[in-house]
Amino acid sequence: RREDLVDFEPAPGPVPAVDDTLQLYFLCAH
């Protein structure tokens, strides 16, 4: 699992301004 995740490691620098809060509310209501 570690080797799969390393491929997705984000590069340093600005991160797009995405509001994930509402999505997280739904994900927590699993």
Full PDB file with SEQRES, HELIX, SHEET, SSBOND, CRYST1, ORIGX, SCALE, CONECT and MASTER records, all heavy atoms in Angstrom:
SEQRES   1 A   30  ARG ARG GLU ASP LEU VAL ASP PHE GLU PRO ALA PRO GLY          
SEQRES   2 A   30  PRO VAL PRO ALA VAL ASP ASP THR LEU GLN LEU TYR PHE          
SEQRES   3 A   30  LEU CYS ALA HIS                                              
HELIX    1 AA1 ARG A    2  VAL A    6  1                                   5    
HELIX    2 AA2 THR A   21  CYS A   28  1                                   8    
CRYST1    1.000    1.000    1.000  90.00  90.00  90.00 P 1           1          
ORIGX1      1.000000  0.000000  0.000000        0.00000                         
ORIGX2      0.000000  1.000000  0.000000        0.00000                         
ORIGX3      0.000000  0.000000  1.000000        0.00000                         
SCALE1      1.000000  0.000000  0.000000        0.00000                         
SCALE2      0.000000  1.000000  0.000000        0.00000                         
SCALE3      0.000000  0.000000  1.000000        0.00000                         
ATOM      1  N   ARG A   1       0.835  -1.201   0.000  1.00  0.00           N  
ATOM      2  CA  ARG A   1       0.000   0.000   0.000  1.00  0.00           C  
ATOM      3  C   ARG A   1       0.868   1.249   0.000  1.00  0.00           C  
ATOM      4  O   ARG A   1       0.559   2.237  -0.660  1.00  0.00           O  
ATOM      5  CB  ARG A   1      -0.929   0.004   1.217  1.00  0.00           C  
ATOM      6  CG  ARG A   1      -1.826   1.224   1.248  1.00  0.00           C  
ATOM      7  CD  ARG A   1      -2.937   1.038   2.257  1.00  0.00           C  
ATOM      8  NE  ARG A   1      -3.756   2.223   2.355  1.00  0.00           N  
ATOM      9  CZ  ARG A   1      -4.688   2.574   1.484  1.00  0.00           C  
ATOM     10  NH1 ARG A   1      -4.906   1.802   0.424  1.00  0.00           N  
ATOM     11  NH2 ARG A   1      -5.403   3.661   1.635  1.00  0.00           N  
ATOM     12  N   ARG A   2       2.025   1.154   0.711  1.00  0.00           N  
ATOM     13  CA  ARG A   2       2.943   2.290   0.733  1.00  0.00           C  
ATOM     14  C   ARG A   2       3.446   2.612  -0.653  1.00  0.00           C  
ATOM     15  O   ARG A   2       3.500   3.763  -1.079  1.00  0.00           O  
ATOM     16  CB  ARG A   2       4.117   1.974   1.656  1.00  0.00           C  
ATOM     17  CG  ARG A   2       5.199   3.048   1.690  1.00  0.00           C  
ATOM     18  CD  ARG A   2       6.543   2.482   2.097  1.00  0.00           C  
ATOM     19  NE  ARG A   2       7.011   1.544   1.108  1.00  0.00           N  
ATOM     20  CZ  ARG A   2       8.000   0.694   1.291  1.00  0.00           C  
ATOM     21  NH1 ARG A   2       8.618   0.625   2.456  1.00  0.00           N  
ATOM     22  NH2 ARG A   2       8.366  -0.121   0.329  1.00  0.00           N  
ATOM     23  N   GLU A   3       3.802   1.584  -1.437  1.00  0.00           N  
ATOM     24  CA  GLU A   3       4.353   1.826  -2.769  1.00  0.00           C  
ATOM     25  C   GLU A   3       3.294   2.427  -3.702  1.00  0.00           C  
ATOM     26  O   GLU A   3       3.623   3.276  -4.547  1.00  0.00           O  
ATOM     27  CB  GLU A   3       4.875   0.508  -3.336  1.00  0.00           C  
ATOM     28  CG  GLU A   3       6.095  -0.005  -2.573  1.00  0.00           C  
ATOM     29  CD  GLU A   3       6.491  -1.398  -3.004  1.00  0.00           C  
ATOM     30  OE1 GLU A   3       5.736  -2.019  -3.781  1.00  0.00           O  
ATOM     31  OE2 GLU A   3       7.545  -1.866  -2.566  1.00  0.00           O  
ATOM     32  N   ASP A   4       2.024   2.010  -3.529  1.00  0.00           N  
ATOM     33  CA  ASP A   4       0.955   2.606  -4.343  1.00  0.00           C  
ATOM     34  C   ASP A   4       0.757   4.076  -4.000  1.00  0.00           C  
ATOM     35  O   ASP A   4       0.533   4.921  -4.877  1.00  0.00           O  
ATOM     36  CB  ASP A   4      -0.359   1.849  -4.112  1.00  0.00           C  
ATOM     37  CG  ASP A   4      -0.308   0.447  -4.702  1.00  0.00           C  
ATOM     38  OD1 ASP A   4       0.536   0.204  -5.592  1.00  0.00           O  
ATOM     39  OD2 ASP A   4      -1.108  -0.398  -4.246  1.00  0.00           O  
ATOM     40  N   LEU A   5       0.831   4.388  -2.717  1.00  0.00           N  
ATOM     41  CA  LEU A   5       0.546   5.751  -2.285  1.00  0.00           C  
ATOM     42  C   LEU A   5       1.660   6.728  -2.654  1.00  0.00           C  
ATOM     43  O   LEU A   5       1.408   7.905  -2.904  1.00  0.00           O  
ATOM     44  CB  LEU A   5       0.338   5.780  -0.762  1.00  0.00           C  
ATOM     45  CG  LEU A   5      -0.919   5.059  -0.258  1.00  0.00           C  
ATOM     46  CD1 LEU A   5      -0.903   4.982   1.261  1.00  0.00           C  
ATOM     47  CD2 LEU A   5      -2.169   5.788  -0.728  1.00  0.00           C  
ATOM     48  N   VAL A   6       2.902   6.231  -2.696  1.00  0.00           N  
ATOM     49  CA  VAL A   6       4.023   7.126  -2.995  1.00  0.00           C  
ATOM     50  C   VAL A   6       3.842   7.766  -4.363  1.00  0.00           C  
ATOM     51  O   VAL A   6       4.195   8.926  -4.589  1.00  0.00           O  
ATOM     52  CB  VAL A   6       5.353   6.356  -2.908  1.00  0.00           C  
ATOM     53  CG1 VAL A   6       6.491   7.157  -3.547  1.00  0.00           C  
ATOM     54  CG2 VAL A   6       5.692   6.043  -1.464  1.00  0.00           C  
ATOM     55  N   ASP A   7       3.282   7.005  -5.320  1.00  0.00           N  
ATOM     56  CA  ASP A   7       3.072   7.533  -6.668  1.00  0.00           C  
ATOM     57  C   ASP A   7       2.165   8.758  -6.673  1.00  0.00           C  
ATOM     58  O   ASP A   7       2.224   9.584  -7.596  1.00  0.00           O  
ATOM     59  CB  ASP A   7       2.466   6.452  -7.563  1.00  0.00           C  
ATOM     60  CG  ASP A   7       3.432   5.312  -7.795  1.00  0.00           C  
ATOM     61  OD1 ASP A   7       4.654   5.540  -7.671  1.00  0.00           O  
ATOM     62  OD2 ASP A   7       2.954   4.194  -8.100  1.00  0.00           O  
ATOM     63  N   PHE A   8       1.332   8.871  -5.628  1.00  0.00           N  
ATOM     64  CA  PHE A   8       0.378   9.974  -5.589  1.00  0.00           C  
ATOM     65  C   PHE A   8       0.816  11.114  -4.684  1.00  0.00           C  
ATOM     66  O   PHE A   8       0.076  12.059  -4.478  1.00  0.00           O  
ATOM     67  CB  PHE A   8      -0.998   9.465  -5.108  1.00  0.00           C  
ATOM     68  CG  PHE A   8      -1.661   8.543  -6.064  1.00  0.00           C  
ATOM     69  CD1 PHE A   8      -1.539   7.168  -5.912  1.00  0.00           C  
ATOM     70  CD2 PHE A   8      -2.400   9.035  -7.126  1.00  0.00           C  
ATOM     71  CE1 PHE A   8      -2.167   6.310  -6.796  1.00  0.00           C  
ATOM     72  CE2 PHE A   8      -3.021   8.181  -8.011  1.00  0.00           C  
ATOM     73  CZ  PHE A   8      -2.901   6.807  -7.856  1.00  0.00           C  
ATOM     74  N   GLU A   9       2.025  11.019  -4.149  1.00  0.00           N  
ATOM     75  CA  GLU A   9       2.447  12.051  -3.215  1.00  0.00           C  
ATOM     76  C   GLU A   9       2.449  13.413  -3.889  1.00  0.00           C  
ATOM     77  O   GLU A   9       3.046  13.593  -4.952  1.00  0.00           O  
ATOM     78  CB  GLU A   9       3.843  11.746  -2.678  1.00  0.00           C  
ATOM     79  CG  GLU A   9       4.308  12.766  -1.662  1.00  0.00           C  
ATOM     80  CD  GLU A   9       5.602  12.355  -0.977  1.00  0.00           C  
ATOM     81  OE1 GLU A   9       6.133  11.299  -1.330  1.00  0.00           O  
ATOM     82  OE2 GLU A   9       6.061  13.116  -0.116  1.00  0.00           O  
ATOM     83  N   PRO A  10       1.773  14.397  -3.302  1.00  0.00           N  
ATOM     84  CA  PRO A  10       1.686  15.710  -3.955  1.00  0.00           C  
ATOM     85  C   PRO A  10       3.022  16.433  -3.930  1.00  0.00           C  
ATOM     86  O   PRO A  10       3.762  16.373  -2.950  1.00  0.00           O  
ATOM     87  CB  PRO A  10       0.651  16.453  -3.097  1.00  0.00           C  
ATOM     88  CG  PRO A  10       0.714  15.781  -1.763  1.00  0.00           C  
ATOM     89  CD  PRO A  10       1.054  14.355  -2.031  1.00  0.00           C  
ATOM     90  N   ALA A  11       3.336  17.114  -5.019  1.00  0.00           N  
ATOM     91  CA  ALA A  11       4.566  17.891  -5.071  1.00  0.00           C  
ATOM     92  C   ALA A  11       4.396  19.162  -4.255  1.00  0.00           C  
ATOM     93  O   ALA A  11       3.289  19.671  -4.102  1.00  0.00           O  
ATOM     94  CB  ALA A  11       4.897  18.238  -6.522  1.00  0.00           C  
ATOM     95  N   PRO A  12       5.515  19.679  -3.709  1.00  0.00           N  
ATOM     96  CA  PRO A  12       5.413  20.955  -2.994  1.00  0.00           C  
ATOM     97  C   PRO A  12       4.911  22.049  -3.915  1.00  0.00           C  
ATOM     98  O   PRO A  12       5.116  21.998  -5.118  1.00  0.00           O  
ATOM     99  CB  PRO A  12       6.858  21.214  -2.545  1.00  0.00           C  
ATOM    100  CG  PRO A  12       7.525  19.873  -2.579  1.00  0.00           C  
ATOM    101  CD  PRO A  12       6.865  19.120  -3.694  1.00  0.00           C  
ATOM    102  N   GLY A  13       4.251  23.039  -3.349  1.00  0.00           N  
ATOM    103  CA  GLY A  13       3.738  24.147  -4.136  1.00  0.00           C  
ATOM    104  C   GLY A  13       2.276  24.386  -3.859  1.00  0.00           C  
ATOM    105  O   GLY A  13       1.654  23.693  -3.058  1.00  0.00           O  
ATOM    106  N   PRO A  14       1.689  25.363  -4.526  1.00  0.00           N  
ATOM    107  CA  PRO A  14       0.282  25.714  -4.289  1.00  0.00           C  
ATOM    108  C   PRO A  14      -0.652  24.540  -4.546  1.00  0.00           C  
ATOM    109  O   PRO A  14      -0.438  23.745  -5.465  1.00  0.00           O  
ATOM    110  CB  PRO A  14       0.023  26.853  -5.274  1.00  0.00           C  
ATOM    111  CG  PRO A  14       1.385  27.398  -5.596  1.00  0.00           C  
ATOM    112  CD  PRO A  14       2.313  26.227  -5.534  1.00  0.00           C  
ATOM    113  N   VAL A  15      -1.685  24.463  -3.731  1.00  0.00           N  
ATOM    114  CA  VAL A  15      -2.702  23.425  -3.883  1.00  0.00           C  
ATOM    115  C   VAL A  15      -3.973  24.093  -4.401  1.00  0.00           C  
ATOM    116  O   VAL A  15      -4.338  25.164  -3.923  1.00  0.00           O  
ATOM    117  CB  VAL A  15      -2.978  22.740  -2.525  1.00  0.00           C  
ATOM    118  CG1 VAL A  15      -4.112  21.722  -2.667  1.00  0.00           C  
ATOM    119  CG2 VAL A  15      -1.702  22.059  -2.031  1.00  0.00           C  
ATOM    120  N   PRO A  16      -4.652  23.512  -5.389  1.00  0.00           N  
ATOM    121  CA  PRO A  16      -5.874  24.140  -5.913  1.00  0.00           C  
ATOM    122  C   PRO A  16      -6.885  24.395  -4.805  1.00  0.00           C  
ATOM    123  O   PRO A  16      -7.026  23.600  -3.879  1.00  0.00           O  
ATOM    124  CB  PRO A  16      -6.412  23.090  -6.905  1.00  0.00           C  
ATOM    125  CG  PRO A  16      -5.217  22.273  -7.279  1.00  0.00           C  
ATOM    126  CD  PRO A  16      -4.330  22.254  -6.081  1.00  0.00           C  
ATOM    127  N   ALA A  17      -7.580  25.497  -4.914  1.00  0.00           N  
ATOM    128  CA  ALA A  17      -8.564  25.876  -3.899  1.00  0.00           C  
ATOM    129  C   ALA A  17      -9.853  25.095  -4.127  1.00  0.00           C  
ATOM    130  O   ALA A  17     -10.696  25.472  -4.937  1.00  0.00           O  
ATOM    131  CB  ALA A  17      -8.841  27.378  -3.968  1.00  0.00           C  
ATOM    132  N   VAL A  18      -9.985  23.939  -3.486  1.00  0.00           N  
ATOM    133  CA  VAL A  18     -11.160  23.093  -3.598  1.00  0.00           C  
ATOM    134  C   VAL A  18     -11.792  22.956  -2.224  1.00  0.00           C  
ATOM    135  O   VAL A  18     -11.105  22.682  -1.241  1.00  0.00           O  
ATOM    136  CB  VAL A  18     -10.778  21.698  -4.146  1.00  0.00           C  
ATOM    137  CG1 VAL A  18     -12.009  20.803  -4.204  1.00  0.00           C  
ATOM    138  CG2 VAL A  18     -10.137  21.818  -5.520  1.00  0.00           C  
ATOM    139  N   ASP A  19     -13.104  23.147  -2.146  1.00  0.00           N  
ATOM    140  CA  ASP A  19     -13.812  23.021  -0.885  1.00  0.00           C  
ATOM    141  C   ASP A  19     -14.360  21.608  -0.776  1.00  0.00           C  
ATOM    142  O   ASP A  19     -15.320  21.245  -1.448  1.00  0.00           O  
ATOM    143  CB  ASP A  19     -14.947  24.046  -0.820  1.00  0.00           C  
ATOM    144  CG  ASP A  19     -15.641  24.031   0.531  1.00  0.00           C  
ATOM    145  OD1 ASP A  19     -15.304  23.158   1.351  1.00  0.00           O  
ATOM    146  OD2 ASP A  19     -16.501  24.888   0.762  1.00  0.00           O  
ATOM    147  N   ASP A  20     -13.716  20.794   0.046  1.00  0.00           N  
ATOM    148  CA  ASP A  20     -14.113  19.400   0.204  1.00  0.00           C  
ATOM    149  C   ASP A  20     -14.987  19.185   1.430  1.00  0.00           C  
ATOM    150  O   ASP A  20     -15.307  18.044   1.746  1.00  0.00           O  
ATOM    151  CB  ASP A  20     -12.865  18.520   0.357  1.00  0.00           C  
ATOM    152  CG  ASP A  20     -11.963  18.585  -0.857  1.00  0.00           C  
ATOM    153  OD1 ASP A  20     -12.374  18.074  -1.896  1.00  0.00           O  
ATOM    154  OD2 ASP A  20     -10.866  19.154  -0.741  1.00  0.00           O  
ATOM    155  N   THR A  21     -15.361  20.240   2.125  1.00  0.00           N  
ATOM    156  CA  THR A  21     -15.998  20.066   3.421  1.00  0.00           C  
ATOM    157  C   THR A  21     -17.299  19.289   3.325  1.00  0.00           C  
ATOM    158  O   THR A  21     -17.504  18.326   4.075  1.00  0.00           O  
ATOM    159  CB  THR A  21     -16.269  21.438   4.067  1.00  0.00           C  
ATOM    160  OG1 THR A  21     -15.071  22.216   4.023  1.00  0.00           O  
ATOM    161  CG2 THR A  21     -16.702  21.262   5.504  1.00  0.00           C  
ATOM    162  N   LEU A  22     -18.183  19.671   2.425  1.00  0.00           N  
ATOM    163  CA  LEU A  22     -19.463  18.979   2.331  1.00  0.00           C  
ATOM    164  C   LEU A  22     -19.272  17.524   1.923  1.00  0.00           C  
ATOM    165  O   LEU A  22     -19.960  16.634   2.432  1.00  0.00           O  
ATOM    166  CB  LEU A  22     -20.374  19.697   1.334  1.00  0.00           C  
ATOM    167  CG  LEU A  22     -21.831  19.225   1.314  1.00  0.00           C  
ATOM    168  CD1 LEU A  22     -22.473  19.409   2.681  1.00  0.00           C  
ATOM    169  CD2 LEU A  22     -22.623  19.995   0.261  1.00  0.00           C  
ATOM    170  N   GLN A  23     -18.317  17.278   1.027  1.00  0.00           N  
ATOM    171  CA  GLN A  23     -18.029  15.899   0.637  1.00  0.00           C  
ATOM    172  C   GLN A  23     -17.588  15.090   1.853  1.00  0.00           C  
ATOM    173  O   GLN A  23     -17.981  13.929   2.022  1.00  0.00           O  
ATOM    174  CB  GLN A  23     -16.939  15.876  -0.431  1.00  0.00           C  
ATOM    175  CG  GLN A  23     -16.556  14.453  -0.868  1.00  0.00           C  
ATOM    176  CD  GLN A  23     -15.331  14.415  -1.754  1.00  0.00           C  
ATOM    177  OE1 GLN A  23     -14.668  15.439  -1.934  1.00  0.00           O  
ATOM    178  NE2 GLN A  23     -15.023  13.262  -2.293  1.00  0.00           N  
ATOM    179  N   LEU A  24     -16.786  15.697   2.723  1.00  0.00           N  
ATOM    180  CA  LEU A  24     -16.336  14.995   3.925  1.00  0.00           C  
ATOM    181  C   LEU A  24     -17.498  14.672   4.855  1.00  0.00           C  
ATOM    182  O   LEU A  24     -17.523  13.626   5.498  1.00  0.00           O  
ATOM    183  CB  LEU A  24     -15.283  15.830   4.667  1.00  0.00           C  
ATOM    184  CG  LEU A  24     -13.893  15.822   4.067  1.00  0.00           C  
ATOM    185  CD1 LEU A  24     -12.998  16.800   4.812  1.00  0.00           C  
ATOM    186  CD2 LEU A  24     -13.294  14.430   4.117  1.00  0.00           C  
ATOM    187  N   TYR A  25     -18.474  15.579   4.933  1.00  0.00           N  
ATOM    188  CA  TYR A  25     -19.646  15.297   5.757  1.00  0.00           C  
ATOM    189  C   TYR A  25     -20.343  14.033   5.273  1.00  0.00           C  
ATOM    190  O   TYR A  25     -20.779  13.197   6.076  1.00  0.00           O  
ATOM    191  CB  TYR A  25     -20.618  16.483   5.716  1.00  0.00           C  
ATOM    192  CG  TYR A  25     -20.310  17.575   6.713  1.00  0.00           C  
ATOM    193  CD1 TYR A  25     -19.169  18.356   6.609  1.00  0.00           C  
ATOM    194  CD2 TYR A  25     -21.163  17.830   7.768  1.00  0.00           C  
ATOM    195  CE1 TYR A  25     -18.884  19.358   7.516  1.00  0.00           C  
ATOM    196  CE2 TYR A  25     -20.900  18.834   8.687  1.00  0.00           C  
ATOM    197  CZ  TYR A  25     -19.756  19.594   8.552  1.00  0.00           C  
ATOM    198  OH  TYR A  25     -19.477  20.571   9.459  1.00  0.00           O  
ATOM    199  N   PHE A  26     -20.457  13.891   3.951  1.00  0.00           N  
ATOM    200  CA  PHE A  26     -21.103  12.696   3.406  1.00  0.00           C  
ATOM    201  C   PHE A  26     -20.240  11.454   3.618  1.00  0.00           C  
ATOM    202  O   PHE A  26     -20.762  10.372   3.913  1.00  0.00           O  
ATOM    203  CB  PHE A  26     -21.383  12.886   1.920  1.00  0.00           C  
ATOM    204  CG  PHE A  26     -22.686  13.576   1.638  1.00  0.00           C  
ATOM    205  CD1 PHE A  26     -22.715  14.935   1.379  1.00  0.00           C  
ATOM    206  CD2 PHE A  26     -23.875  12.874   1.642  1.00  0.00           C  
ATOM    207  CE1 PHE A  26     -23.916  15.577   1.127  1.00  0.00           C  
ATOM    208  CE2 PHE A  26     -25.078  13.512   1.397  1.00  0.00           C  
ATOM    209  CZ  PHE A  26     -25.105  14.872   1.139  1.00  0.00           C  
ATOM    210  N   LEU A  27     -18.939  11.585   3.473  1.00  0.00           N  
ATOM    211  CA  LEU A  27     -18.067  10.434   3.656  1.00  0.00           C  
ATOM    212  C   LEU A  27     -18.074   9.954   5.102  1.00  0.00           C  
ATOM    213  O   LEU A  27     -18.014   8.755   5.370  1.00  0.00           O  
ATOM    214  CB  LEU A  27     -16.643  10.783   3.215  1.00  0.00           C  
ATOM    215  CG  LEU A  27     -16.449  11.024   1.713  1.00  0.00           C  
ATOM    216  CD1 LEU A  27     -15.012  11.436   1.417  1.00  0.00           C  
ATOM    217  CD2 LEU A  27     -16.820   9.784   0.918  1.00  0.00           C  
ATOM    218  N   CYS A  28     -18.158  10.890   6.042  1.00  0.00           N  
ATOM    219  CA  CYS A  28     -18.202  10.490   7.451  1.00  0.00           C  
ATOM    220  C   CYS A  28     -19.524   9.809   7.800  1.00  0.00           C  
ATOM    221  O   CYS A  28     -19.586   9.026   8.748  1.00  0.00           O  
ATOM    222  CB  CYS A  28     -18.014  11.711   8.355  1.00  0.00           C  
ATOM    223  SG  CYS A  28     -16.315  12.293   8.429  1.00  0.00           S  
ATOM    224  N   ALA A  29     -20.574  10.114   7.041  1.00  0.00           N  
ATOM    225  CA  ALA A  29     -21.868   9.459   7.261  1.00  0.00           C  
ATOM    226  C   ALA A  29     -21.868   8.114   6.538  1.00  0.00           C  
ATOM    227  O   ALA A  29     -22.773   7.789   5.767  1.00  0.00           O  
ATOM    228  CB  ALA A  29     -22.992  10.357   6.751  1.00  0.00           C  
ATOM    229  N   HIS A  30     -20.838   7.308   6.775  1.00  0.00           N  
ATOM    230  CA  HIS A  30     -20.612   6.060   6.037  1.00  0.00           C  
ATOM    231  C   HIS A  30     -21.676   5.018   6.382  1.00  0.00           C  
ATOM    232  O   HIS A  30     -22.106   4.920   7.535  1.00  0.00           O  
ATOM    233  CB  HIS A  30     -19.213   5.516   6.375  1.00  0.00           C  
ATOM    234  CG  HIS A  30     -18.729   4.483   5.418  1.00  0.00           C  
ATOM    235  ND1 HIS A  30     -19.032   3.147   5.541  1.00  0.00           N  
ATOM    236  CD2 HIS A  30     -17.969   4.595   4.297  1.00  0.00           C  
ATOM    237  CE1 HIS A  30     -18.464   2.472   4.560  1.00  0.00           C  
ATOM    238  NE2 HIS A  30     -17.823   3.324   3.792  1.00  0.00           N  
TER     239      HIS A  30                                                      
MASTER        0    0    0    2    0    0    0    6  238    1    0    3          
END                                                                             
